[in-house]
Amino acid sequence: MNKVQQHYDEIADIYDDRYDGHRGRSYHRHISDHVMSVLPKGGFLLDLGCGTGLFVERYIQEGGQAVGLDISPGMVRHGRQRCPESGFCVGTADVLPFRDGTFDALASLLAFSYVPDPEAMLEESYRVLKPGGRIAICTLSRTVFTSIVPVIYQVGEKVGLKKVGVGDFNERYYTNGEIACLL
């Protein structure tokens, strides 16, 4: 079990707590609105790094069908509870357990930074997309904010706050130019 999988298994039961407040709901709505705006309506979606299925649920509510994949069995369990009509599976983004040309769209919300081999993930993503399919990846960028996140969490741990969503697993933050080079 790698560090990312272990971390998200440990927090799976409390992960959605960060979206309970107004700020958390607004943040998730902003991200999912942006991603929804570039995806085909009513298609068949693969959500890579689906977590507890929040975006799968949103895509289904908007008339689509979706499958979620996550490295964490705990997160997948919550996704299955949230959207029992959808398929969820445990796996990694660099070896997708789907046939070529299966999906109309692929989304990855805030999981791309944790993928150890982004080139393999993108290669697999293109493989499972139908011709003309769309990919929407939302990731954290390399900014001053992301550089202080570890410090914020260290302070939080010292005062006994629960750690949700960020761990010490060498995540990668990208500039726009780096993302463009990957595509």
Protein backbone atom coordinates (compact mmCIF):
# COMPACT_ATOMS: atom_id res chain seq x y z
CA MET A 1 0.00 0.00 0.00
CA ASN A 2 1.48 3.36 -0.96
CA LYS A 3 1.30 6.57 1.10
CA VAL A 4 -1.50 8.15 -0.95
CA GLN A 5 -3.71 5.07 -0.69
CA GLN A 6 -3.02 4.71 3.03
CA HIS A 7 -3.75 8.39 3.71
CA TYR A 8 -7.06 8.43 1.86
CA ASP A 9 -8.14 5.13 3.41
CA GLU A 10 -7.48 6.65 6.84
CA ILE A 11 -9.58 9.75 6.15
CA ALA A 12 -12.32 8.22 3.97
CA ASP A 13 -14.92 8.36 6.74
CA ILE A 14 -14.35 12.08 7.41
CA TYR A 15 -13.34 13.26 3.92
CA ASP A 16 -16.70 14.81 3.04
CA ASP A 17 -16.69 16.81 6.29
CA ARG A 18 -14.59 19.46 4.57
CA TYR A 19 -17.48 20.14 2.19
CA ASP A 20 -20.12 20.49 4.94
CA GLY A 21 -19.61 24.21 5.53
CA HIS A 22 -20.49 27.06 3.18
CA ARG A 23 -16.88 27.61 2.10
CA GLY A 24 -16.34 23.92 1.31
CA ARG A 25 -19.58 23.64 -0.68
CA SER A 26 -18.75 26.82 -2.60
CA TYR A 27 -15.25 25.57 -3.38
CA HIS A 28 -16.49 22.20 -4.67
CA ARG A 29 -19.31 23.84 -6.63
CA HIS A 30 -16.85 26.24 -8.30
CA ILE A 31 -14.54 23.41 -9.36
CA SER A 32 -17.31 21.10 -10.52
CA ASP A 33 -19.09 23.92 -12.41
CA HIS A 34 -15.90 24.65 -14.31
CA VAL A 35 -15.28 20.99 -15.15
CA MET A 36 -18.93 20.44 -16.14
CA SER A 37 -18.71 23.38 -18.54
CA VAL A 38 -16.18 21.55 -20.74
CA LEU A 39 -17.65 18.04 -20.63
CA PRO A 40 -20.32 16.66 -22.96
CA LYS A 41 -23.80 16.60 -21.47
CA GLY A 42 -25.44 13.22 -21.03
CA GLY A 43 -22.34 11.20 -21.86
CA PHE A 44 -20.53 8.33 -20.20
CA LEU A 45 -17.83 9.66 -17.83
CA LEU A 46 -14.82 8.17 -16.10
CA ASP A 47 -13.85 10.08 -12.95
CA LEU A 48 -10.19 9.37 -12.14
CA GLY A 49 -9.40 9.88 -8.47
CA CYS A 50 -13.12 9.95 -7.76
CA GLY A 51 -12.77 9.99 -3.99
CA THR A 52 -16.17 9.61 -2.35
CA GLY A 53 -18.02 10.16 -5.61
CA LEU A 54 -19.01 13.82 -5.25
CA PHE A 55 -18.36 14.61 -8.92
CA VAL A 56 -19.84 11.30 -10.11
CA GLU A 57 -23.01 12.29 -8.26
CA ARG A 58 -23.01 15.73 -9.90
CA TYR A 59 -22.51 14.30 -13.41
CA ILE A 60 -25.38 11.85 -12.91
CA GLN A 61 -27.65 14.63 -11.59
CA GLU A 62 -26.97 16.51 -14.83
CA GLY A 63 -28.14 13.56 -16.94
CA GLY A 64 -24.98 11.56 -17.56
CA GLN A 65 -23.71 8.16 -16.56
CA ALA A 66 -20.44 7.72 -14.72
CA VAL A 67 -17.86 5.32 -13.38
CA GLY A 68 -15.43 6.28 -10.63
CA LEU A 69 -11.91 4.95 -10.07
CA ASP A 70 -9.78 5.65 -7.02
CA ILE A 71 -6.66 4.21 -5.43
CA SER A 72 -8.36 4.07 -2.01
CA PRO A 73 -10.78 1.23 -1.20
CA GLY A 74 -12.23 3.38 1.59
CA MET A 75 -13.07 6.21 -0.80
CA VAL A 76 -14.54 3.77 -3.33
CA ARG A 77 -16.75 2.30 -0.59
CA HIS A 78 -18.17 5.77 0.11
CA GLY A 79 -18.66 6.40 -3.61
CA ARG A 80 -20.67 3.19 -3.93
CA GLN A 81 -22.84 4.28 -1.01
CA ARG A 82 -23.37 7.75 -2.50
CA CYS A 83 -24.17 6.54 -6.04
CA PRO A 84 -25.17 2.86 -5.97
CA GLU A 85 -26.37 3.08 -9.58
CA SER A 86 -22.83 3.86 -10.79
CA GLY A 87 -19.79 1.66 -11.04
CA PHE A 88 -16.83 2.29 -8.76
CA CYS A 89 -13.55 0.42 -8.72
CA VAL A 90 -10.19 0.51 -6.99
CA GLY A 91 -7.28 1.07 -9.33
CA THR A 92 -4.55 3.36 -10.56
CA ALA A 93 -4.68 5.90 -13.36
CA ASP A 94 -1.69 4.46 -15.20
CA VAL A 95 -3.32 1.04 -15.86
CA LEU A 96 -7.05 1.52 -16.44
CA PRO A 97 -9.24 -1.62 -16.34
CA PHE A 98 -11.45 -0.53 -19.25
CA ARG A 99 -11.63 -1.31 -22.96
CA ASP A 100 -10.40 1.09 -25.59
CA GLY A 101 -12.94 3.75 -26.57
CA THR A 102 -15.33 3.19 -23.65
CA PHE A 103 -15.96 6.74 -22.40
CA ASP A 104 -17.26 9.99 -23.88
CA ALA A 105 -15.45 12.00 -21.22
CA LEU A 106 -12.88 11.74 -18.48
CA ALA A 107 -12.53 14.02 -15.47
CA SER A 108 -9.97 14.23 -12.71
CA LEU A 109 -10.63 16.79 -10.00
CA LEU A 110 -7.63 17.56 -7.78
CA ALA A 111 -6.09 14.07 -8.09
CA PHE A 112 -3.57 14.77 -10.87
CA SER A 113 -0.96 16.10 -8.43
CA TYR A 114 -0.77 12.67 -6.79
CA VAL A 115 -0.27 10.64 -9.98
CA PRO A 116 3.32 9.34 -10.02
CA ASP A 117 3.44 8.97 -13.82
CA PRO A 118 1.29 11.68 -15.47
CA GLU A 119 2.36 10.66 -18.98
CA ALA A 120 1.09 7.09 -18.42
CA MET A 121 -2.14 8.45 -16.94
CA LEU A 122 -2.75 10.63 -19.99
CA GLU A 123 -1.86 7.80 -22.39
CA GLU A 124 -4.36 5.52 -20.65
CA SER A 125 -6.94 8.31 -20.55
CA TYR A 126 -6.75 8.80 -24.31
CA ARG A 127 -6.93 5.03 -24.83
CA VAL A 128 -10.23 4.62 -22.96
CA LEU A 129 -11.83 7.68 -24.57
CA LYS A 130 -14.02 7.39 -27.65
CA PRO A 131 -12.81 9.35 -30.68
CA GLY A 132 -13.65 13.01 -30.05
CA GLY A 133 -13.93 12.42 -26.29
CA ARG A 134 -13.09 15.17 -23.81
CA ILE A 135 -10.70 15.22 -20.88
CA ALA A 136 -11.03 17.73 -18.04
CA ILE A 137 -8.27 17.80 -15.44
CA CYS A 138 -8.45 20.22 -12.54
CA THR A 139 -5.26 20.35 -10.50
CA LEU A 140 -3.60 22.62 -8.01
CA SER A 141 -1.03 24.93 -9.51
CA ARG A 142 2.36 25.89 -8.21
CA THR A 143 1.63 29.06 -6.27
CA VAL A 144 2.61 30.67 -3.00
CA PHE A 145 -0.48 29.08 -1.44
CA THR A 146 0.53 25.52 -2.30
CA SER A 147 4.00 26.10 -0.89
CA ILE A 148 2.59 27.08 2.51
CA VAL A 149 0.05 24.24 2.76
CA PRO A 150 2.54 21.86 4.46
CA VAL A 151 3.32 24.54 7.05
CA ILE A 152 -0.39 25.09 7.73
CA TYR A 153 -0.90 21.37 8.27
CA GLN A 154 2.13 21.09 10.56
CA VAL A 155 0.70 23.86 12.75
CA GLY A 156 -2.71 22.17 12.66
CA GLU A 157 -1.24 18.87 13.81
CA LYS A 158 0.47 20.59 16.74
CA VAL A 159 -2.84 21.98 17.98
CA GLY A 160 -4.71 18.71 17.40
CA LEU A 161 -6.71 19.47 14.25
CA LYS A 162 -7.81 16.60 12.01
CA LYS A 163 -5.81 16.33 8.81
CA VAL A 164 -8.07 15.93 5.81
CA GLY A 165 -6.94 15.70 2.20
CA VAL A 166 -3.25 16.56 2.33
CA GLY A 167 -0.47 14.19 3.21
CA ASP A 168 3.27 13.88 2.83
CA PHE A 169 3.47 11.99 -0.45
CA ASN A 170 5.52 14.14 -2.79
CA GLU A 171 2.60 15.55 -4.72
CA ARG A 172 3.49 17.58 -7.80
CA TYR A 173 2.17 21.04 -8.55
CA TYR A 174 2.27 22.24 -12.14
CA THR A 175 2.57 25.50 -14.00
CA ASN A 176 0.36 26.09 -17.04
CA GLY A 177 3.40 25.53 -19.25
CA GLU A 178 4.15 22.16 -17.65
CA ILE A 179 0.56 21.04 -18.18
CA ALA A 180 0.71 22.16 -21.82
CA CYS A 181 3.89 20.12 -22.35
CA LEU A 182 2.19 17.00 -20.99
CA LEU A 183 -0.69 17.33 -23.44
